[in-house]
Each structure stands twice: as C-alpha cells, then as structure tokens.
Protein backbone atom coordinates (compact mmCIF):
# COMPACT_ATOMS: atom_id res chain seq x y z
CA MET A 1 -63.55 -7.58 33.77
CA GLU A 2 -60.71 -7.80 36.29
CA VAL A 3 -59.12 -4.53 37.42
CA LEU A 4 -55.43 -4.55 38.31
CA LYS A 5 -54.06 -1.60 40.29
CA ILE A 6 -50.41 -0.79 39.66
CA ALA A 7 -48.08 1.74 41.29
CA THR A 8 -44.97 3.03 39.59
CA ALA A 9 -41.79 4.22 41.29
CA GLY A 10 -38.54 5.59 39.95
CA SER A 11 -36.02 8.38 40.38
CA VAL A 12 -35.93 11.61 38.41
CA ASP A 13 -35.55 10.94 34.66
CA ASP A 14 -35.81 7.16 35.04
CA GLY A 15 -38.69 7.32 32.57
CA LYS A 16 -41.84 6.38 34.52
CA SER A 17 -44.12 8.74 32.63
CA THR A 18 -42.54 7.76 29.31
CA LEU A 19 -43.05 4.07 30.09
CA ILE A 20 -46.73 4.59 30.89
CA GLY A 21 -47.18 6.77 27.81
CA ARG A 22 -45.58 4.08 25.65
CA LEU A 23 -47.85 1.46 27.22
CA LEU A 24 -50.90 3.59 26.36
CA TYR A 25 -49.64 4.30 22.84
CA ASP A 26 -48.78 0.72 21.92
CA THR A 27 -52.09 -0.60 23.29
CA LYS A 28 -53.91 2.11 21.27
CA SER A 29 -55.37 3.56 24.47
CA LEU A 30 -54.64 7.21 23.65
CA THR A 31 -57.46 9.26 22.20
CA THR A 32 -56.89 10.99 18.88
CA ASP A 33 -56.89 14.47 20.41
CA LYS A 34 -54.43 13.38 23.13
CA LEU A 35 -52.10 11.88 20.55
CA GLU A 36 -52.29 15.03 18.42
CA ALA A 37 -51.47 17.14 21.47
CA ILE A 38 -48.42 14.97 22.22
CA GLU A 39 -47.22 15.24 18.61
CA LYS A 40 -47.67 19.02 18.63
CA ARG A 41 -45.93 19.50 21.97
CA SER A 42 -43.06 17.17 21.05
CA LYS A 43 -42.37 19.17 17.86
CA LYS A 44 -42.59 22.44 19.82
CA ASN A 45 -39.98 21.13 22.26
CA GLY A 46 -37.69 20.28 19.34
CA TYR A 47 -37.91 16.50 19.67
CA ASP A 48 -37.72 14.21 16.64
CA TYR A 49 -39.67 11.59 18.58
CA LEU A 50 -42.95 11.48 20.50
CA ASP A 51 -42.53 12.53 24.15
CA PHE A 52 -44.83 9.97 25.75
CA SER A 53 -44.36 11.47 29.23
CA LEU A 54 -46.80 14.18 28.11
CA ALA A 55 -49.55 11.55 28.29
CA THR A 56 -49.36 11.49 32.09
CA ASP A 57 -47.71 14.67 33.38
CA GLY A 58 -50.82 16.78 33.80
CA LEU A 59 -49.59 19.69 35.91
CA VAL A 60 -47.97 22.70 34.20
CA ALA A 61 -44.98 22.42 36.54
CA GLU A 62 -44.58 18.77 35.58
CA ARG A 63 -44.55 19.52 31.86
CA GLU A 64 -42.15 22.43 32.28
CA GLN A 65 -39.66 20.58 34.50
CA GLY A 66 -40.09 17.12 33.02
CA ILE A 67 -40.76 15.58 36.42
CA THR A 68 -43.73 14.01 38.21
CA ILE A 69 -44.97 15.91 41.27
CA ASP A 70 -48.47 14.68 42.04
CA VAL A 71 -49.96 11.18 41.87
CA ALA A 72 -51.68 10.73 38.51
CA HIS A 73 -54.09 7.86 37.93
CA ILE A 74 -54.16 6.47 34.41
CA TYR A 75 -56.87 4.12 33.19
CA PHE A 76 -56.72 1.77 30.22
CA SER A 77 -58.01 -1.64 29.18
CA THR A 78 -57.05 -4.58 27.03
CA LYS A 79 -59.18 -7.56 26.05
CA LYS A 80 -58.03 -9.41 29.18
CA LYS A 81 -57.92 -6.78 31.94
CA SER A 82 -58.60 -3.22 32.98
CA TYR A 83 -55.74 -1.31 34.58
CA ILE A 84 -55.37 1.62 36.95
CA ILE A 85 -51.81 2.93 37.12
CA ALA A 86 -50.76 5.30 39.90
CA ASP A 87 -47.88 7.32 38.45
CA THR A 88 -46.15 8.43 41.65
CA PRO A 89 -43.29 10.95 42.06
CA GLY A 90 -39.87 9.56 42.86
CA HIS A 91 -38.40 12.46 44.83
CA VAL A 92 -37.52 12.08 48.52
CA GLU A 93 -39.72 15.05 49.41
CA TYR A 94 -42.74 13.28 47.90
CA THR A 95 -42.42 10.05 49.88
CA ARG A 96 -45.97 10.55 51.19
CA ASN A 97 -47.23 10.57 47.57
CA MET A 98 -45.47 7.29 46.87
CA VAL A 99 -47.10 5.74 49.95
CA THR A 100 -50.51 7.02 48.85
CA GLY A 101 -50.13 5.62 45.35
CA ALA A 102 -48.90 2.20 46.45
CA SER A 103 -51.28 1.72 49.40
CA THR A 104 -54.10 0.26 47.27
CA SER A 105 -51.99 -1.35 44.52
CA GLN A 106 -51.65 -5.08 43.91
CA ALA A 107 -48.54 -4.70 41.76
CA ALA A 108 -45.71 -2.23 41.42
CA ILE A 109 -43.28 -1.28 38.68
CA ILE A 110 -39.93 0.00 39.94
CA LEU A 111 -37.90 1.67 37.21
CA ILE A 112 -34.13 1.71 37.18
CA ASP A 113 -32.05 3.75 34.74
CA ALA A 114 -29.69 1.25 33.08
CA ARG A 115 -26.92 3.87 33.10
CA LYS A 116 -27.17 4.57 36.86
CA GLY A 117 -28.16 1.17 38.23
CA VAL A 118 -29.39 0.66 41.78
CA ILE A 119 -29.17 3.96 43.68
CA GLU A 120 -30.36 5.23 47.08
CA GLN A 121 -33.80 6.08 45.73
CA THR A 122 -34.18 2.50 44.48
CA ASN A 123 -33.76 1.36 48.08
CA ARG A 124 -36.49 3.78 49.13
CA HIS A 125 -38.90 2.67 46.40
CA PHE A 126 -38.40 -1.01 47.21
CA PHE A 127 -38.75 -0.30 50.94
CA ILE A 128 -42.13 1.37 50.44
CA ASN A 129 -43.43 -1.54 48.38
CA ASN A 130 -42.16 -3.90 51.06
CA LEU A 131 -43.79 -1.76 53.77
CA LEU A 132 -47.12 -1.81 51.94
CA ARG A 133 -46.94 -5.56 51.30
CA VAL A 134 -47.22 -5.28 47.53
CA LYS A 135 -47.05 -8.89 46.37
CA GLU A 136 -46.00 -8.40 42.74
CA VAL A 137 -42.99 -6.17 42.00
CA ILE A 138 -41.69 -5.71 38.46
CA VAL A 139 -38.21 -4.23 38.18
CA ALA A 140 -38.10 -2.53 34.77
CA ILE A 141 -34.51 -1.78 33.85
CA ASN A 142 -35.13 1.13 31.48
CA LYS A 143 -33.09 3.01 28.86
CA MET A 144 -31.38 -0.15 27.69
CA ASP A 145 -30.90 1.63 24.34
CA LEU A 146 -28.43 3.97 26.07
CA VAL A 147 -26.22 1.07 27.20
CA GLU A 148 -26.29 -0.61 23.81
CA PHE A 149 -28.85 -3.17 25.00
CA SER A 150 -26.10 -4.83 27.04
CA GLU A 151 -26.99 -8.16 28.62
CA GLU A 152 -23.97 -7.82 30.91
CA ARG A 153 -25.21 -4.46 32.21
CA TYR A 154 -28.69 -5.90 32.78
CA ASN A 155 -27.31 -8.87 34.72
CA GLY A 156 -25.14 -6.56 36.85
CA ILE A 157 -28.12 -4.40 37.88
CA LYS A 158 -30.21 -7.51 38.54
CA ALA A 159 -27.49 -8.87 40.86
CA ASP A 160 -27.31 -5.55 42.74
CA PHE A 161 -31.08 -5.51 43.23
CA GLU A 162 -31.07 -9.11 44.45
CA GLN A 163 -28.71 -7.99 47.24
CA LEU A 164 -31.32 -5.38 48.18
CA MET A 165 -34.03 -8.05 48.22
CA ALA A 166 -32.17 -9.83 51.01
CA LYS A 167 -32.97 -6.91 53.35
CA ARG A 168 -36.76 -7.15 53.06
CA ASP A 169 -39.00 -8.55 55.78
CA TYR A 170 -41.88 -9.55 53.50
CA GLU A 171 -41.15 -12.84 51.81
CA ASP A 172 -44.43 -13.19 49.88
CA GLN A 173 -43.26 -10.81 47.16
CA LYS A 174 -42.53 -12.07 43.68
CA ILE A 175 -39.84 -10.04 41.88
CA THR A 176 -39.65 -10.04 38.07
CA PHE A 177 -36.90 -8.32 36.06
CA ILE A 178 -37.58 -6.97 32.57
CA PRO A 179 -35.11 -4.99 30.40
CA VAL A 180 -36.95 -2.24 28.50
CA SER A 181 -36.55 0.89 26.45
CA ALA A 182 -39.67 2.96 27.05
CA LEU A 183 -38.63 5.51 24.43
CA LYS A 184 -38.04 2.92 21.70
CA GLY A 185 -40.80 0.54 22.83
CA ASP A 186 -38.57 -2.48 23.50
CA ASN A 187 -40.22 -5.12 25.71
CA VAL A 188 -43.03 -2.81 26.82
CA VAL A 189 -45.84 -4.15 24.62
CA ASN A 190 -43.82 -5.49 21.73
CA ARG A 191 -40.86 -7.83 22.03
CA SER A 192 -37.45 -6.24 21.49
CA GLN A 193 -35.50 -7.10 18.36
CA SER A 194 -32.39 -5.60 19.96
CA MET A 195 -32.39 -7.82 23.08
CA THR A 196 -32.88 -11.29 21.66
CA TRP A 197 -30.87 -12.58 24.63
CA TYR A 198 -33.88 -11.83 26.88
CA LYS A 199 -36.27 -14.81 26.81
CA GLY A 200 -38.88 -13.56 29.31
CA GLU A 201 -42.20 -11.80 28.84
CA THR A 202 -42.76 -8.22 27.79
CA LEU A 203 -44.14 -5.89 30.45
CA LEU A 204 -47.69 -6.10 29.11
CA GLU A 205 -47.51 -9.89 28.70
CA HIS A 206 -46.49 -10.18 32.35
CA LEU A 207 -49.28 -7.89 33.55
CA GLU A 208 -51.85 -9.72 31.42
CA GLY A 209 -50.83 -13.05 32.94
CA LEU A 210 -51.07 -12.00 36.60
CA ASP A 211 -53.69 -13.83 38.67
CA LEU A 212 -55.58 -11.06 40.47
CA ALA A 213 -56.54 -13.32 43.37
CA ALA A 214 -52.91 -14.37 43.87
CA VAL A 215 -51.54 -10.81 44.00
CA SER A 216 -54.32 -9.39 46.19
CA ASN A 217 -54.08 -9.34 49.97
CA VAL A 218 -57.66 -10.54 50.33
CA GLY A 219 -57.88 -11.44 54.00
CA THR A 220 -61.07 -12.68 55.63
CA PRO A 221 -64.60 -11.21 55.38
CA ARG A 222 -65.15 -7.91 57.16
CA PHE A 223 -68.40 -5.96 56.82
CA PRO A 224 -68.27 -2.49 58.40
CA VAL A 225 -71.79 -1.09 58.74
CA GLN A 226 -72.15 2.21 56.92
CA TYR A 227 -75.88 2.75 57.27
CA VAL A 228 -78.88 1.14 58.95
CA ILE A 229 -81.87 0.95 56.58
CA ARG A 230 -85.31 1.25 58.19
CA PRO A 231 -87.90 2.19 55.51
CA LYS A 232 -90.87 4.14 56.81
CA THR A 233 -93.40 2.50 54.55
CA ASP A 234 -96.26 0.11 55.21
CA GLU A 235 -94.84 -2.43 52.76
CA HIS A 236 -91.44 -2.60 54.48
CA HIS A 237 -92.44 -1.58 57.98
CA ASP A 238 -90.48 -4.38 59.69
CA PHE A 239 -87.44 -4.29 57.39
CA ARG A 240 -84.09 -3.67 59.10
CA GLY A 241 -81.04 -3.96 56.91
CA PHE A 242 -77.39 -3.07 57.29
CA ALA A 243 -75.72 -1.44 54.29
CA GLY A 244 -72.00 -1.56 53.69
CA LYS A 245 -69.16 -2.93 51.60
CA VAL A 246 -67.69 -6.43 51.90
CA TYR A 247 -63.93 -6.44 52.42
CA GLY A 248 -61.82 -9.58 52.29
CA GLY A 249 -63.65 -12.79 51.39
CA GLU A 250 -67.29 -13.56 50.67
CA LEU A 251 -70.40 -13.56 52.84
CA SER A 252 -73.33 -15.87 52.09
CA VAL A 253 -76.88 -16.42 53.27
CA GLY A 254 -76.80 -18.78 56.24
CA ASP A 255 -73.32 -17.77 57.43
CA GLU A 256 -73.07 -17.44 61.19
CA VAL A 257 -71.79 -13.97 61.99
CA VAL A 258 -70.71 -12.01 65.04
CA ALA A 259 -71.70 -8.37 65.53
CA LEU A 260 -68.97 -6.14 66.95
CA PRO A 261 -68.56 -4.66 69.50
CA SER A 262 -71.45 -6.47 71.23
CA GLN A 263 -70.20 -9.92 70.05
CA THR A 264 -73.82 -10.99 69.58
CA ARG A 265 -74.26 -13.92 67.20
CA SER A 266 -76.76 -14.35 64.40
CA LYS A 267 -77.03 -15.70 60.86
CA ILE A 268 -77.31 -13.87 57.55
CA LYS A 269 -80.92 -14.04 56.43
CA GLU A 270 -80.86 -12.10 53.14
CA ILE A 271 -78.44 -10.22 50.92
CA TYR A 272 -79.74 -7.40 48.73
CA PHE A 273 -78.25 -5.31 45.97
CA HIS A 274 -80.87 -2.66 45.26
CA ASP A 275 -84.11 -4.66 44.98
CA LYS A 276 -82.52 -7.98 44.00
CA LYS A 277 -81.62 -10.83 46.33
CA TYR A 278 -78.33 -12.74 46.14
CA GLN A 279 -77.06 -15.89 47.80
CA THR A 280 -73.50 -14.56 48.16
CA ALA A 281 -71.92 -11.13 48.48
CA SER A 282 -68.52 -11.15 46.78
CA ARG A 283 -65.46 -9.21 47.89
CA ARG A 284 -65.75 -5.42 47.45
CA SER A 285 -69.47 -5.58 46.66
CA SER A 286 -71.77 -2.98 48.25
CA VAL A 287 -74.84 -4.73 49.62
CA THR A 288 -77.53 -4.64 52.29
CA ILE A 289 -77.61 -7.55 54.74
CA THR A 290 -80.47 -8.65 56.98
CA LEU A 291 -80.06 -10.96 59.98
CA GLU A 292 -82.25 -13.67 61.44
CA ASP A 293 -82.20 -12.01 64.87
CA GLU A 294 -82.88 -8.47 66.07
CA ILE A 295 -79.43 -7.07 66.83
CA ASN A 296 -78.55 -3.52 67.72
CA LEU A 297 -76.05 -2.36 65.10
CA SER A 298 -75.12 1.17 64.05
CA ARG A 299 -72.67 2.95 61.77
CA GLY A 300 -69.08 1.94 62.57
CA ASP A 301 -70.02 -1.49 63.95
CA MET A 302 -68.88 -4.59 62.08
CA LEU A 303 -70.13 -8.02 61.05
CA VAL A 304 -67.57 -10.84 60.81
CA LYS A 305 -67.80 -14.59 60.43
CA ALA A 306 -68.05 -16.57 63.67
CA GLY A 307 -64.71 -18.05 64.66
CA ASP A 308 -62.79 -15.41 62.70
CA LEU A 309 -62.78 -12.33 64.89
CA PRO A 310 -60.36 -9.44 64.43
CA THR A 311 -58.43 -7.92 67.34
CA ILE A 312 -60.63 -5.71 69.53
CA ASP A 313 -58.56 -3.19 71.49
CA LYS A 314 -58.20 0.43 72.60
CA GLN A 315 -54.50 0.44 71.77
CA PHE A 316 -52.37 -0.54 68.77
CA THR A 317 -48.94 -0.04 67.27
CA ALA A 318 -48.63 0.93 63.63
CA THR A 319 -46.17 2.12 61.02
CA ILE A 320 -47.00 5.73 60.18
CA SER A 321 -46.25 7.76 57.06
CA TRP A 322 -46.45 11.39 58.20
CA MET A 323 -47.86 13.83 55.61
CA ASP A 324 -48.27 17.15 57.40
CA SER A 325 -46.00 20.19 57.75
CA GLU A 326 -46.81 20.33 61.48
CA ASN A 327 -44.90 17.66 63.37
CA LEU A 328 -46.43 14.66 65.10
CA ILE A 329 -45.44 14.64 68.77
CA PRO A 330 -46.20 12.31 71.71
CA GLY A 331 -49.27 13.31 73.66
CA LYS A 332 -51.04 15.01 70.78
CA LYS A 333 -54.56 13.87 69.88
CA TYR A 334 -55.89 13.01 66.45
CA VAL A 335 -58.93 11.34 64.95
CA VAL A 336 -58.26 7.81 63.68
CA GLN A 337 -60.48 6.97 60.72
CA HIS A 338 -60.52 3.19 60.48
CA GLY A 339 -62.89 2.30 57.67
CA VAL A 340 -66.15 4.06 58.49
CA ASN A 341 -65.28 4.16 62.19
CA LYS A 342 -63.89 7.37 63.71
CA VAL A 343 -62.30 7.35 67.17
CA LEU A 344 -60.27 9.82 69.20
CA ALA A 345 -56.63 8.78 69.57
CA LYS A 346 -53.60 10.00 71.50
CA VAL A 347 -50.00 9.43 70.44
CA ALA A 348 -48.65 7.33 73.31
CA THR A 349 -45.08 6.88 72.07
CA ILE A 350 -42.93 7.20 68.98
CA ASN A 351 -41.12 3.89 69.26
CA HIS A 352 -38.60 4.59 66.52
CA LYS A 353 -38.19 6.36 63.21
CA ILE A 354 -37.49 4.17 60.18
CA HIS A 355 -34.99 5.18 57.51
CA PRO A 356 -36.73 4.10 54.28
CA ASP A 357 -33.45 3.28 52.53
CA TYR A 358 -32.71 0.21 54.67
CA SER A 359 -30.05 2.13 56.63
CA GLY A 360 -31.64 1.38 60.01
CA ILE A 361 -33.81 3.08 62.62
CA ASP A 362 -33.60 6.08 64.96
CA GLU A 363 -34.68 5.02 68.44
CA LYS A 364 -34.46 8.52 69.91
CA ALA A 365 -37.01 10.23 67.66
CA ASP A 366 -39.17 12.67 69.64
CA SER A 367 -41.25 13.97 66.70
CA LEU A 368 -42.12 13.20 63.08
CA GLY A 369 -41.79 15.66 60.21
CA MET A 370 -43.31 15.54 56.75
CA ASN A 371 -42.41 12.35 54.84
CA ASP A 372 -41.05 10.62 57.95
CA ILE A 373 -41.93 6.98 58.52
CA ALA A 374 -42.02 5.60 62.06
CA GLU A 375 -43.47 3.01 64.39
CA VAL A 376 -45.97 4.70 66.71
CA THR A 377 -48.22 3.44 69.50
CA PHE A 378 -51.70 4.96 69.90
CA LYS A 379 -54.25 4.86 72.71
CA LEU A 380 -57.93 5.23 71.75
CA ASN A 381 -61.00 6.44 73.57
CA LYS A 382 -62.92 3.32 72.50
CA PRO A 383 -62.01 -0.04 70.94
CA ILE A 384 -61.71 -0.64 67.21
CA PHE A 385 -61.82 -3.98 65.38
CA TYR A 386 -58.61 -4.40 63.38
CA ASP A 387 -56.38 -6.97 61.69
CA GLN A 388 -52.68 -6.83 61.03
CA PHE A 389 -52.00 -5.05 57.77
CA LYS A 390 -50.08 -7.99 56.31
CA LYS A 391 -53.16 -10.18 56.75
CA HIS A 392 -55.85 -7.67 55.74
CA ARG A 393 -54.85 -4.48 53.93
CA THR A 394 -58.22 -2.78 54.33
CA ASN A 395 -58.93 -3.61 57.96
CA GLY A 396 -55.29 -3.12 58.93
CA SER A 397 -54.95 0.43 57.62
CA PHE A 398 -56.24 3.84 58.71
CA ILE A 399 -55.72 7.56 58.29
CA LEU A 400 -55.03 10.24 60.89
CA ILE A 401 -57.08 13.44 60.83
CA ASP A 402 -56.09 16.71 62.52
CA MET A 403 -58.82 17.76 64.93
CA GLN A 404 -58.46 21.49 64.20
CA SER A 405 -57.87 21.63 60.45
CA ASN A 406 -59.73 18.38 59.58
CA ASN A 407 -56.85 17.61 57.19
CA THR A 408 -55.54 14.11 56.61
CA VAL A 409 -52.10 14.25 58.20
CA GLY A 410 -50.94 10.64 58.18
CA ALA A 411 -51.53 7.10 56.95
CA GLY A 412 -51.02 4.07 59.16
CA PHE A 413 -50.52 0.32 58.77
CA ILE A 414 -51.23 -1.72 61.89
CA GLY A 415 -48.68 -4.29 62.92
CA ARG A 416 -47.53 -4.41 59.29
C-alpha cells in the first residue's frame, strides 16, 4: 500500500492537533482506550465536546499549555493509502522542528485561522515548504464555524495567500484551498452541510486522490554502498555483493553503472533481497547488488547509471537550517553526513542569512544562531557525489555533526 508523508504547519491555536485528531476520529483510526482517554480528559477540562488535540499532543507541557512543542508522527490508514503525519510546532523558536518535519514529506497542510487570516507565521510556514520543495501544499482555512462559514471571508484569505504565492521560487508546487472546521468536522472527512457554496473535495478526499509518484521528488537512481558482503563459506566463497538502499529511480539487471569515486564502469549482474533474486530493484528498496566485473567498492561509495552522474566535488553551497545553541561561524569544522558518507568540512563563508518570512536577506551575517536559515559554502577534505536538492531530495541533502559533542547541529539542502 502507498505511504504518503504529510507535514502540518500552523500558528498557535490554529488547530493543527485538533485537525489531525478529527481526521483520526472520523476515519475510525483511534483505538478504544485512546478515545476513552480523550473523552475523560475533555470532561475533566470542562469541555462539552471532544478535544481532539489530545490525540496528538503527547508531552505533558503540550497538554497543559495546549500547544505543540515537539514533532509528533501520527500513523493511520484507509483502504486506499497509509499516512504518516508530522505534526510540527508553529512557533518561531521551533523553526528547526518545522524543517525536520517537512524535510521528508511529499505534501504539507498549512492551517490558517479564519479569524486571523494570513499572518507573519503563515509566510514562514509557506517559505519552509517552498525551501524544502514540497510539491503538494494544502491550505486549510480552519475555524470557519467562528466566522459563520463565510464564503466572503474564505475568498479574502485565499486572495491574500495567492499574493504570498507570487514570492516563491519553486513553481512546481500545487496549492489547494479547503475551508474546514476541525472542531465540528466540516470538510475534513465528511462534507460540510454549512458550506454548500464550497464545491471542492474534503481534506481526506484530496489526500486519497494524490498520485504519490507525482508529488514525490524522485530524481534518478543513486545507490550508496552501505556494506560489502563477502561470505566466508565454501558455498559462496567467490560472492562479492554490495548492500544498500536504492534512492531515486529503479535499477535493473543489465544496467550499465558507474562506480564512484573511481568512475569504473560495469553492469549489474544480479539483484538480491535476502536469498531471492529480482530483475529490478525499485525505489527505496534495500537490496544487494553484484556486478559483472571485479570493482573495488567500499562503504560510502556509490553506484549510478552510466550517463547520469551526480556532481563530484570537494566544495558546495547549500541552504542551512541551524539547530544548535552554539553558533555556526566561518572557519569552524564539522562532519558532513551525506547519506552513508561522512566527510570533514570547513565553513568557508556565510554568504547571506535568509529571513524566512519573505522579508529579504542579510548579506552581512557573520554567524548563525539557533533556528537561523542561511546560504553557506563548505569546503571538504574529500569529494562527495551530490545532486541539487530540487532534483534529488535524498542525494541533495545532508546533516552537520559537531565534532566534539557528536550532536546533529544543522540540516542542509544543496543548491536548493
């Protein structure tokens, strides 16, 4: 069954957690004990309705304050698809969490409070989805019950958001507007009887109809080698296979491939999954590949199709989301983890800091603090094999690791 990954974004009290809880409730995805806990807690809080936000806000601080702090991943399925929803916090100070949640998503739901309309945080949420090249963005205009289900108010917010869309630099996004009331259930799973003027799909109908291939940034086949398999048995004495995961497109027996960094050519001889042979390895499948020729490959090397090589370089420029309390400064060294490959990197220059509300850039930035986003150039101690992020999300992204603490301190997107 297809799995669609969705990120949510919204300001405080826009109703993200309530929307997700309603989606789970109306698709009958909540367990009996979870539903009983929500009913009990809602009564204790003095509500005469079910507080669906309790289905996702797992931290004590979240339940007490009624806000989302950490990224929560929610899983549910229908007859057509399986879904993973990253419920991300909307606060400015948790920008890094929003980036983390959206970095692997194929679709995003941006919530807007119908009473407040498009605000500064809306700009930030749309900017991050634009930065991460999310192809499918659903703008859910929530709390329509509090504006008397006004079509005029809906159209006004839609017009304001369309002005924001003109500022983006990623034209492959499809934007869909849906008026909803997460609390009442209007247009989430069931069609609203209070907004008969809206002729589009409900939120679930829209998600069910998405073509996963169309909304995924698939790219071309990349096979980073994770492990070289050399069994020490008489039966498989001459076996030499390369284990890893296929990113991008497919690889098939007979395909001419190039081994990086040596750029030696060969052809795929066999593809194994456990003890079974396959003709083709599909995208995101973990397999073992053998080659027709003896080639020296080790962990961190890569197999790609001939005629479709990535960039091979010891330097690159990337957009960085900084996640650490200690500032990033020029000249400092970090470990770049690019797939399974780890290389030593030095910050060559901070080219400019980006204001994630579409208000411009700061060309005189000399350091990056937590939650800052900037364009940074790195120099490496050895080449890596990368694609631009907009063409290949997996091979165009990386994380930065602090050499002393071993903490992940940043996420990067090459060339965007």
